[in-house]
C-alpha atoms as a PDB file:
ATOM      1  CA  UNK A   1     136.461 122.703  93.404  1.00  0.00           C
ATOM      2  CA  UNK A   2     139.044 120.310  91.927  1.00  0.00           C
ATOM      3  CA  UNK A   3     139.170 119.069  88.666  1.00  0.00           C
ATOM      4  CA  UNK A   4     138.379 115.487  89.409  1.00  0.00           C
ATOM      5  CA  UNK A   5     135.018 116.759  90.625  1.00  0.00           C
ATOM      6  CA  UNK A   6     134.252 118.821  87.758  1.00  0.00           C
ATOM      7  CA  UNK A   7     135.247 115.988  85.530  1.00  0.00           C
ATOM      8  CA  UNK A   8     132.882 113.599  87.153  1.00  0.00           C
ATOM      9  CA  UNK A   9     130.032 116.225  87.096  1.00  0.00           C
ATOM     10  CA  UNK A  10     130.652 116.669  83.418  1.00  0.00           C
ATOM     11  CA  UNK A  11     130.286 112.792  83.020  1.00  0.00           C
ATOM     12  CA  UNK A  12     126.795 112.887  84.922  1.00  0.00           C
ATOM     13  CA  UNK A  13     125.501 115.926  82.539  1.00  0.00           C
ATOM     14  CA  UNK A  14     126.521 113.980  79.410  1.00  0.00           C
ATOM     15  CA  UNK A  15     124.988 110.680  80.719  1.00  0.00           C
ATOM     16  CA  UNK A  16     121.704 112.919  81.341  1.00  0.00           C
ATOM     17  CA  UNK A  17     121.807 114.376  78.047  1.00  0.00           C
ATOM     18  CA  UNK A  18     122.314 110.859  76.144  1.00  0.00           C
ATOM     19  CA  UNK A  19     119.299 109.516  78.423  1.00  0.00           C
ATOM     20  CA  UNK A  20     117.269 112.505  77.213  1.00  0.00           C
ATOM     21  CA  UNK A  21     118.137 112.000  73.784  1.00  0.00           C
ATOM     22  CA  UNK A  22     117.394 108.123  73.723  1.00  0.00           C
ATOM     23  CA  UNK A  23     114.250 108.061  75.587  1.00  0.00           C
ATOM     24  CA  UNK A  24     110.899 108.938  74.494  1.00  0.00           C
ATOM     25  CA  UNK A  25     109.567 110.163  77.952  1.00  0.00           C
ATOM     26  CA  UNK A  26     111.479 112.014  80.613  1.00  0.00           C
ATOM     27  CA  UNK A  27     109.246 112.910  83.558  1.00  0.00           C
ATOM     28  CA  UNK A  28     110.176 114.890  86.850  1.00  0.00           C
ATOM     29  CA  UNK A  29     108.316 114.089  90.122  1.00  0.00           C
ATOM     30  CA  UNK A  30     108.566 115.542  93.413  1.00  0.00           C
ATOM     31  CA  UNK A  31     109.294 112.799  96.033  1.00  0.00           C
ATOM     32  CA  UNK A  32     109.262 114.720  99.388  1.00  0.00           C
ATOM     33  CA  UNK A  33     107.405 112.835 101.994  1.00  0.00           C
ATOM     34  CA  UNK A  34     107.799 109.536 100.233  1.00  0.00           C
ATOM     35  CA  UNK A  35     109.270 106.909 102.875  1.00  0.00           C
ATOM     36  CA  UNK A  36     112.359 104.711 101.307  1.00  0.00           C
ATOM     37  CA  UNK A  37     110.173 101.745 101.144  1.00  0.00           C
ATOM     38  CA  UNK A  38     107.385 103.542  98.948  1.00  0.00           C
ATOM     39  CA  UNK A  39     110.121 104.975  96.632  1.00  0.00           C
ATOM     40  CA  UNK A  40     111.614 101.677  96.467  1.00  0.00           C
ATOM     41  CA  UNK A  41     108.253 100.106  95.515  1.00  0.00           C
ATOM     42  CA  UNK A  42     107.722 102.830  92.702  1.00  0.00           C
ATOM     43  CA  UNK A  43     111.145 102.118  91.315  1.00  0.00           C
ATOM     44  CA  UNK A  44     110.284  98.540  91.002  1.00  0.00           C
ATOM     45  CA  UNK A  45     107.199  99.002  89.377  1.00  0.00           C
ATOM     46  CA  UNK A  46     108.761 101.300  86.742  1.00  0.00           C
ATOM     47  CA  UNK A  47     111.649  98.790  86.091  1.00  0.00           C
ATOM     48  CA  UNK A  48     109.017  96.261  85.508  1.00  0.00           C
ATOM     49  CA  UNK A  49     107.877  98.431  82.729  1.00  0.00           C
ATOM     50  CA  UNK A  50     111.483  99.346  81.335  1.00  0.00           C
ATOM     51  CA  UNK A  51     111.502 102.490  82.875  1.00  0.00           C
ATOM     52  CA  UNK A  52     114.240 104.068  85.386  1.00  0.00           C
ATOM     53  CA  UNK A  53     113.646 106.219  88.326  1.00  0.00           C
ATOM     54  CA  UNK A  54     116.906 108.245  89.262  1.00  0.00           C
ATOM     55  CA  UNK A  55     117.736 110.899  91.727  1.00  0.00           C
ATOM     56  CA  UNK A  56     120.176 113.703  90.468  1.00  0.00           C
ATOM     57  CA  UNK A  57     121.190 117.112  91.746  1.00  0.00           C
ATOM     58  CA  UNK A  58     118.877 119.796  89.981  1.00  0.00           C
ATOM     59  CA  UNK A  59     121.692 122.051  88.811  1.00  0.00           C
ATOM     60  CA  UNK A  60     123.058 118.704  86.740  1.00  0.00           C
ATOM     61  CA  UNK A  61     119.654 118.113  85.457  1.00  0.00           C
ATOM     62  CA  UNK A  62     119.401 121.633  84.291  1.00  0.00           C
ATOM     63  CA  UNK A  63     122.562 121.664  82.616  1.00  0.00           C
ATOM     64  CA  UNK A  64     121.575 118.803  80.749  1.00  0.00           C
ATOM     65  CA  UNK A  65     118.184 120.064  79.751  1.00  0.00           C
ATOM     66  CA  UNK A  66     119.859 123.173  78.442  1.00  0.00           C
ATOM     67  CA  UNK A  67     122.249 121.193  76.381  1.00  0.00           C
ATOM     68  CA  UNK A  68     119.430 119.426  75.094  1.00  0.00           C
ATOM     69  CA  UNK A  69     117.889 122.669  73.818  1.00  0.00           C
ATOM     70  CA  UNK A  70     115.213 122.605  76.400  1.00  0.00           C
ATOM     71  CA  UNK A  71     115.904 125.269  78.812  1.00  0.00           C
ATOM     72  CA  UNK A  72     112.342 126.025  79.997  1.00  0.00           C
ATOM     73  CA  UNK A  73     112.051 122.561  81.684  1.00  0.00           C
ATOM     74  CA  UNK A  74     114.573 124.288  84.151  1.00  0.00           C
ATOM     75  CA  UNK A  75     111.809 126.192  85.897  1.00  0.00           C
ATOM     76  CA  UNK A  76     110.380 122.702  87.601  1.00  0.00           C
ATOM     77  CA  UNK A  77     113.603 121.596  88.936  1.00  0.00           C
ATOM     78  CA  UNK A  78     113.142 122.770  92.511  1.00  0.00           C
ATOM     79  CA  UNK A  79     112.907 120.798  95.414  1.00  0.00           C
ATOM     80  CA  UNK A  80     113.760 117.078  95.783  1.00  0.00           C
ATOM     81  CA  UNK A  81     113.142 115.708  92.480  1.00  0.00           C
ATOM     82  CA  UNK A  82     113.273 112.374  90.819  1.00  0.00           C
ATOM     83  CA  UNK A  83     113.613 111.738  86.876  1.00  0.00           C
ATOM     84  CA  UNK A  84     111.742 108.738  85.181  1.00  0.00           C
ATOM     85  CA  UNK A  85     113.267 108.030  81.746  1.00  0.00           C
ATOM     86  CA  UNK A  86     111.055 105.530  79.692  1.00  0.00           C
ATOM     87  CA  UNK A  87     111.164 104.506  76.005  1.00  0.00           C
ATOM     88  CA  UNK A  88     107.327 103.870  76.201  1.00  0.00           C
ATOM     89  CA  UNK A  89     105.261 107.415  76.290  1.00  0.00           C
ATOM     90  CA  UNK A  90     102.181 105.887  77.863  1.00  0.00           C
ATOM     91  CA  UNK A  91     103.533 103.087  80.455  1.00  0.00           C
ATOM     92  CA  UNK A  92     105.447 105.448  83.024  1.00  0.00           C
ATOM     93  CA  UNK A  93     102.731 108.418  82.995  1.00  0.00           C
ATOM     94  CA  UNK A  94     100.077 105.571  83.903  1.00  0.00           C
ATOM     95  CA  UNK A  95     102.116 104.252  86.765  1.00  0.00           C
ATOM     96  CA  UNK A  96     103.087 107.689  88.003  1.00  0.00           C
ATOM     97  CA  UNK A  97      99.746 108.535  88.020  1.00  0.00           C
ATOM     98  CA  UNK A  98      98.308 105.551  89.641  1.00  0.00           C
ATOM     99  CA  UNK A  99     101.076 105.989  92.425  1.00  0.00           C
ATOM    100  CA  UNK A 100     100.097 109.504  92.857  1.00  0.00           C
ATOM    101  CA  UNK A 101      96.633 108.733  93.219  1.00  0.00           C
ATOM    102  CA  UNK A 102      97.486 106.520  96.092  1.00  0.00           C
ATOM    103  CA  UNK A 103     100.341 108.210  97.541  1.00  0.00           C
ATOM    104  CA  UNK A 104      99.694 112.095  97.926  1.00  0.00           C
ATOM    105  CA  UNK A 105     103.356 112.784  98.640  1.00  0.00           C
ATOM    106  CA  UNK A 106     104.300 112.098  94.915  1.00  0.00           C
ATOM    107  CA  UNK A 107     103.654 115.089  92.803  1.00  0.00           C
ATOM    108  CA  UNK A 108     104.122 115.146  89.155  1.00  0.00           C
ATOM    109  CA  UNK A 109     105.712 118.104  87.960  1.00  0.00           C
ATOM    110  CA  UNK A 110     106.298 117.761  84.016  1.00  0.00           C
ATOM    111  CA  UNK A 111     108.710 116.691  81.664  1.00  0.00           C
ATOM    112  CA  UNK A 112     109.649 115.789  78.218  1.00  0.00           C
ATOM    113  CA  UNK A 113     107.776 113.487  75.924  1.00  0.00           C
ATOM    114  CA  UNK A 114     108.860 112.782  72.345  1.00  0.00           C
ATOM    115  CA  UNK A 115     110.770 116.047  72.684  1.00  0.00           C
ATOM    116  CA  UNK A 116     108.138 118.617  73.740  1.00  0.00           C
ATOM    117  CA  UNK A 117     108.077 120.106  76.935  1.00  0.00           C
ATOM    118  CA  UNK A 118     104.768 119.194  78.788  1.00  0.00           C
ATOM    119  CA  UNK A 119     103.186 119.889  82.090  1.00  0.00           C
ATOM    120  CA  UNK A 120     101.782 117.520  84.745  1.00  0.00           C
ATOM    121  CA  UNK A 121      98.334 118.091  83.450  1.00  0.00           C
ATOM    122  CA  UNK A 122      99.467 116.490  80.196  1.00  0.00           C
ATOM    123  CA  UNK A 123     101.218 113.597  81.742  1.00  0.00           C
ATOM    124  CA  UNK A 124      98.084 112.836  83.701  1.00  0.00           C
ATOM    125  CA  UNK A 125      96.128 112.789  80.338  1.00  0.00           C
ATOM    126  CA  UNK A 126      98.548 110.605  78.799  1.00  0.00           C
ATOM    127  CA  UNK A 127      97.977 108.154  81.455  1.00  0.00           C
ATOM    128  CA  UNK A 128      94.252 108.087  80.732  1.00  0.00           C
ATOM    129  CA  UNK A 129      94.909 107.001  77.206  1.00  0.00           C
ATOM    130  CA  UNK A 130      94.703 103.240  76.541  1.00  0.00           C
ATOM    131  CA  UNK A 131      98.066 101.520  75.868  1.00  0.00           C
ATOM    132  CA  UNK A 132      98.963 100.159  72.834  1.00  0.00           C
ATOM    133  CA  UNK A 133      97.255  96.925  73.140  1.00  0.00           C
ATOM    134  CA  UNK A 134      94.206  98.335  74.045  1.00  0.00           C
ATOM    135  CA  UNK A 135      94.364 100.793  71.052  1.00  0.00           C
ATOM    136  CA  UNK A 136      94.962  97.802  68.716  1.00  0.00           C
ATOM    137  CA  UNK A 137      92.139  96.145  70.279  1.00  0.00           C
ATOM    138  CA  UNK A 138      89.861  98.928  69.847  1.00  0.00           C
ATOM    139  CA  UNK A 139      90.812  99.295  66.242  1.00  0.00           C
ATOM    140  CA  UNK A 140      90.324  95.557  65.512  1.00  0.00           C
ATOM    141  CA  UNK A 141      86.697  95.928  67.082  1.00  0.00           C
ATOM    142  CA  UNK A 142      85.839  98.775  64.787  1.00  0.00           C
ATOM    143  CA  UNK A 143      87.113  96.819  61.479  1.00  0.00           C
ATOM    144  CA  UNK A 144      85.265  93.917  62.838  1.00  0.00           C
ATOM    145  CA  UNK A 145      82.062  95.296  63.796  1.00  0.00           C
ATOM    146  CA  UNK A 146      80.554  96.109  59.810  1.00  0.00           C
ATOM    147  CA  UNK A 147      81.702  92.612  58.945  1.00  0.00           C
ATOM    148  CA  UNK A 148      79.820  91.046  61.717  1.00  0.00           C
ATOM    149  CA  UNK A 149      76.604  93.090  61.200  1.00  0.00           C
ATOM    150  CA  UNK A 150      76.694  91.910  57.400  1.00  0.00           C
ATOM    151  CA  UNK A 151      77.129  88.213  58.244  1.00  0.00           C
ATOM    152  CA  UNK A 152      74.033  88.628  60.946  1.00  0.00           C
ATOM    153  CA  UNK A 153      71.901  90.334  58.121  1.00  0.00           C
ATOM    154  CA  UNK A 154      72.885  87.507  55.492  1.00  0.00           C
ATOM    155  CA  UNK A 155      71.856  85.014  58.272  1.00  0.00           C
ATOM    156  CA  UNK A 156      68.548  86.433  58.756  1.00  0.00           C
ATOM    157  CA  UNK A 157      67.912  86.430  55.209  1.00  0.00           C
ATOM    158  CA  UNK A 158      68.782  82.936  54.926  1.00  0.00           C
ATOM    159  CA  UNK A 159      66.512  81.784  57.862  1.00  0.00           C
ATOM    160  CA  UNK A 160      63.475  83.512  55.846  1.00  0.00           C
END
């Protein structure tokens, strides 16, 4: 292998390690059996939510993961894999889980969430958690409920 190729691979590994450290979520999926148009559609869905889907050689991803100190992630790097990088921990798992339900060829394998190695079940459970706006809405309704009940009680007393 010539020096030019080695340097190009080193740059890819460095770029991957940088992406791992800059993003809160890195999810590995197997895309074997998906058509090009289905994969392109998934890419567009992810891009709309500030996530990137990229395909790399497994050996380069394994080196980048090892350089990041998460060597146990190397076990899932077999077969044709795509890597999804996202700053939002909840958006990309939601999109991937929904897409996987519609297309049985997409297989969630695992990944890194906020620096922790997770399996596919953890990613699926993250997908079931409401998003940021939903959580804020739930919190505000919890704050509002006692006040509104108090107001109804005062109104009932005033009417008597």
